Structure formats: C-alpha cells, structure tokens
Amino acid sequence: MAILGRAEPRIEDRQLLTGEALYATDLRPPGSAEVIFARSSMAHALIRVDASAARETPGVIAVYTAEDLGLADRPAMPLPGHSFSVEGLSRPVLARDRVRFVGEPLAALVVEDAAAGFDALELVAVDYAPLPAVVDPEAAARDEVLLFPQAGTNVVSSTDLGGEGWEGFAGCEVVVTERIANHRVVAAPLEGRGCVAEWGEDGVTIRLSTQAPHMAKGAFVAFLGVEPDQVHIKPAAVGGGFGAKGAPATDELLVPHLSRLLGRPLRWVETRTETMRMLHTGRGQVATVTVGADRQGRVQAVEFDILQDCGAYPALGPFMPNIGWLVATGPYAIPRIRYRSRSVLTNTTPTGAYRGAGRPEPALALDRILDRLAGEIGIDTVEIRRRNVIPSDAYPYTSATGTVHDSGNLTAALDGVLRSAGYDDLRKEQQRLREEGGRQRLGIGLSVFVDITGRHCPPDFGAIEVTADQRVILRSSSAPTGQGHATVWGMIVADRLGLDLARVELVAGDTDLVPVGFGTFGSKSALSAGTAIDLAATAMLERARPYAAGLLEAAEGDVVLDADRGRFHVAGTPSVSVSWADITRAAADAGEPLAVELVSEGIGPSITSGAYLAAVTVDVETGGVGLERLVTCDDAGRILNPMIAMGQVHGGLAQGVAQALFEELRYDDDGNPLNSTLADYLMPSAAELPLFDVSFQETPTDRNPLGVKGIGESGTIGATPAVLNAVIDALAEFGVRHVDIPLTPERVWHAIRTAGSAGPP
C-alpha cells in the first residue's frame, strides 16, 4: 500500500502510555541490591578517602574505593581522524589521588536500599587539600592552573585546517570580526541513566538506558575483560538521550563489575542531581570569527578561531571542532576558509555530544557574523543570504572544506519562510513600533543552515520475519529513544510489501538478536538503519516469490506483488492471487521460516538544510524577550512520515530556543555548579514557547535508496541563531551589535544601556 509520506500515528505509543514499556528504573531482578556513589564536593583538590565508617553502617553490603578495586585508569577516547597533543590524560574509574570536577565519583557503595543508603554516603570521609580551579576555557588556555601537571598544558588537541595557501583577507573591501560564545547546556533527558546487571552461566545480562547498545557492549567487554559472547545487552525503554547516552560512563561500567565481585544482581539509577552534574554537557565553545567580503556583500573568505571547553577529561569534547569543520561554510558558496581550534581542559563536567554535536556552533557563528556584515554594508539580512547561498543548480556542490552537498534548494526554502511569515508586514510593524517609541520593540531574525547527517554510518542490520499468525517482526540495529522507529520502519515494510502496519513489532537494542550495529546519533537512523530495513524488504519479496509462484503454478519471473492489496499474482492476471498468509503457510509446510536478514553498508552522509525566521518582542525597560513566532522550512530529502518529522523538528526547536533564551550551566570561580537542579536551571515549558510554523521541502538525495536525509537535530541548529539575530535586530536602533546568549532580561537590559546610543527614552 502507498503509505510512505503519510502522517501515520505512532504504533509504539500504546506501550509507552500504558506502562507496558519497561525503563531501567522499573527493573529489579530478584535478590538485587543498589549501587550508589559518593562524589566529590570540590572541583580541584588532592584527596584521601576513608570509607571505614560507611562499611559499618547497617544496610551497607560493601564499599569500594579506587584502592579497593585496583582498576586501571581509562585512557582518553580514541576518535577517528583525531589525535591528542599530549599523553597521560587517562580518567580513573574512581578518583584516586585527585579530583578534577564537582561530582566526580570517589567511592561506590552497594546497599540493600538506595534511599536508606544515602545516609551512609555522609560517612565516607574525604580529606581535601584544595587546589586552584580553572573554569573559563580562555583562562585554562593560559596554563596557569593545570589539571594534569605531568602534561604541562591544558590544551589537549588543536587543528589548523585550510591554512595551506591561506591569503587572509587581502582584496576584501569589508572585514568584520566578532567573538561569539556558545555556552554549556545540559541534556537533561526526562529519564536519567540507569543500569541493571545480572551474571549467569552464559555471562552478564545488562539492561541500561542507552542510545548505542552495541557501542555499550564493546565498552563492557573491554572493561570486564570477557569475550563478546559473554555480554548480553537487553533492551530497556529509553526516555530521551539527546547525545548524552552513548558510550557508558564509569559509573555504568562499574555496575556489572561489582555484580561479579559480589555474586548478586545490582542496579544503579541516576538521581536528578547526578544527571545535572555528571551527565556530560554540550556546546562550551568560544569562536572568534572573521569574514571578508566585497561592497556588494559577496563573501570571499571566512576565518574561525575556536576554543573548545572539554571539561575535566577529554571525552568527545575535543572532537566537536572537527565535526564543525565539515559544515563551517554553512549553506554558502564561500571560496576560502581557515579554521583553527584548540581544545582545553577545565575543572567542570566533561563535555560531549548534545543534539547537533559540533554543528550548531559554527552555524551560530556564521549566521551571526553575516548579520554583522549586512549591517556594516547597509543591506538587508535577507539580501546578504541571497547573494551568498549555494545556487540550486550547483548541486552536487563541494564546499571549501571538502564537504559534498548532495542536494538542496535553499533559495526556495528561504522564499517560502519569508512568505509564510509575512516578512514585509513584519518589517512595517517593526518600523511602527520604533516610531511609536514605547516600551516594545519587534525584531526579526534569520538562520539559513546546513547539517551533515549520517556522517558516520557503520554497517546497520535489518531483518524481517512474517510469522504464521501474520505478525511482522522487525529486528533493527537502531536504538529508539523516542523518534518513532517502530512506526517508520513498519511503514517502509508496509509500503514495499503490503503488510499490515498494525501487526509490526520492532526488536531493537538486544545485542543477541541484533548482531551488528553502532547506535542512534548524528541523525543517521533513517539513512542507515532505515535503508537496512528497506533492503531487507526487497530481500523478503524475493524470498516470498518462489512460494507465490508455486501456489500460482507460474514461473517466478511472472509473479508480481500488488503492494496496495498485499497479494501476489501473475502479471496481467490480478484476479487470481495469493496472500501473505498463504505464503507463510507454504513456508511452514516446507519447514522454513519466512525470514530474511542482512547488513547494509556504504550509506554516505547527506546534507540537510533549512531556513528559519524568528520574530521576537523586547521590552526595552526590563530586557524581557518574548518569542512571538518561529517559522521554519526544513529540507530533509524525502519525508517518510510528516507527523514524526514534525515532532523531531518541534523538539529541536524547543532546545534551540532554550539555549538562546533560557538555559545555561554556570559555575562559580571555584568550579561549583550554580544551577544543578531543575529549580534553577531554566528549562522552558510549553508555556514559554509559541506554536511553531513548521513546513518541509523535499529534495531527495541519491545517497540512499529511500532518498532520505536526517532531521533529528536541525531544530537545534537553526533556532538558536534565528532567535539571537531577532533580539539584536530589535535592539539595533540603540546601537547594540551583539549580545551573548542566553538572552536573559538582565543581559539584554545591560546591552541596551551600555550600547553606542543613549538607549531608550
């Protein structure tokens, strides 16, 4: 049946809404005990840990410090195409002699009851010898306070890309520079992390909240020192990941290790405070960006100088600038680029992937500097983008960074957003409010952006089985965290084979049943895992054809499938046909299951793009910002289910707006987090967000047979610069040229009163 492209309701929601889906928190194997962690209350200090009193507390089964476990430190994560400039940056499983950020684990307590066990944490005595802390990346780069003294520096890696033959800004008639900060934010998924481990004769069964079951398996195998067939990752429902639930962290790794030591099942469930302090954070980048152009606004060169905050240990943080390089010229035909970066350690929570993972940072810098350039030249922000955007007839287009843009039509996307928003009317209203001279100002901001999706697509697994009772069992290496994989993969199978979407069951996250995979991240699910299911559907058609031919007493080559009816017939004779039920019975009679499985490889990356417009009001007396409208057009190739695609965009927009206006993880000078609860970390609710005007433009890609691109992270890339540009546009009459995000009332109010003009009346 022709189902792809329709807004089919999600089939997985019944289990989620009725409580049938089990999260890690719901799982309590018989005889299980709880793991809780004593954590550092200082950001930088030499330490001695004494857990003797905690061991004597009723209900405490065991207490382990670094000395008790004797485990080797974990080396810095190896990353493809990336190397560290210094050695010896390994991270202890439990802090041994030194702590480097608030929340670093010091001791693991195994207790009968977690709630009662928290009292025992107070009895873990820690002797701190405080050391100076450094929390600002620019200060850290001066190496006055060292996190690893033996390394001699806090700069753990650097890049200099595009420098060969770099001519600077010679010949450019206009050159504009701006320092643009992209502050730290917390992923804060609704469900924190959780891990349950139980050993048996065949090894250890682990259930955890993860985006990457197979990546997790590899980490557990290495940490536990066992063979791969002894680690069994079983699926648990996942209540959001946003990039923060990839490779397991040290606390998760310890759960099966301690379970093996004690010979009983163990579980660890992260508290909300641990989520806010320990789960790796996103962004944390300061960019000085310079752009050179002619007087008509045609950009000739751009230069990035980036400082990346990695937090206390180099996890994925140092890799973020490398990803940013791939899209550093954005959607624009910029002929020359130089891109330098340094990644530094600070006494804060380590940084890593967060929705967008390295791509929102250059997009924010580029969109912001283009508005500055437009203001310097004296042309409209729309016009500066029209003059530089990649022409629609230039695809496939290779950027100055070497990234191949496979398809797109950004001029059409921009035009569509301007029409939908009523751009000319917004400008008229803006002028009216300025002439009126009251408290309210209107600002209009644009973002035109690209995202590289499916950048890293290892082999993905897809399998289909049609059972005798007509259930359709799909096995996929995707790891759903709320995206609607069961629905979309089921739609692919329904479209290709005419099977009933309501009968689809998705098996994902079980490494015994899904032998190959890597995880769900980088907006690659539809490109890679979806393609594996699509190829499996084609293989299933060929698997079924001989049975259909036998039942129809025809040659295999003459048998076709009518997918609208879900029936096979001889070409030209649709009145005589057989159903999938007939074929499953024939397969059963032959003693063979009607099942196929395969691994897809060679799915290339694709370029998603979009144009966003934000309209905001600013109260010039209080600095308060109100987001009035956010109008978007996303191009993600072929849209398989517009309702699910819209849901992905909505979530991304909310997080992008949150970074622009509300959320910021802050530390004091001693490295203490200042807002590590949801009472003071300002996550917006629906009340703070408008109804988004979301639309799609489809320019299919040839990188995969479905023609799809990723869309899961687009909202976080485009929303932040659109809102930032809108607020600064509202304040332009007062001489405000830039304000760092988040645009809090205090920050906006201060910018108005310290700008070039006298400010509002």
Foldseek 3Di string as FASTA:
>chain_A
DAFFPAFDDFLPVVCVVVVVFFALVNDDPPPAWEKDFQWDQFLKWFKDKDLVVLCPDPQWPDKDFCVRVVADFAFADDDPPFAWPFGDQTHHLADDTIHHFTGGTGMMIIGRDPVVSVVSSVRTDMDTDDDFFFAALVVQQVQPDDLDVVRSGQFTGKDKPQPVVDPDQPPFPDKDKDKFAQFKFAQQFVFDKKWKWAADPLAIEIEIQAQWLVLQLVVLCVRVVHDSRRYWYAYHAHRDDQFQRYHDGSVRSVQNVVCVVVVGMYMYGDDLLCRLAARAIEGQKIWIKMWGHYLQLATAEMEIEMEWEFEAGNYARVVLQVQQLLQLVWQFQHQGYIYMYTYGYGSGHGHHGGQQRNNLVSQLVVQQVSVVSCVVSVHDSVSSCVNTGDAQVCPQDQHNSRHGAHHDHQVVQQVVLCVVVVVVVQVVVQVVCVVVQAQKHKFKFKGWGKAKAPADAAKKKWKWFQALVGAIEIETAGRDNPLSVLQLLLSLLLNLQVGDSSRYDYGYRTCVVGVDYTGDDRLCCCQHRVLQSNVNSVVLVVLQQVLFCVVQVHDSVQWDAPSNNSWIDGVPCVVDTHHVSSSQVSCVVVVHTSMDMDIDDQQHIHMKIKMKMWMWMARLVQLDIATDAIEMEIEFARRRHVVSLVVLLVVLQQVLLCWQAFAHFDADSRNRTPASHCVRGDRDDVVRDDPYRYHYDHDFGPSGPVSGHGRNRVNNNTNNSNVQNRLQRRLVVLQQSHFHDNSYSVRSNVSQPPHDHNHRD
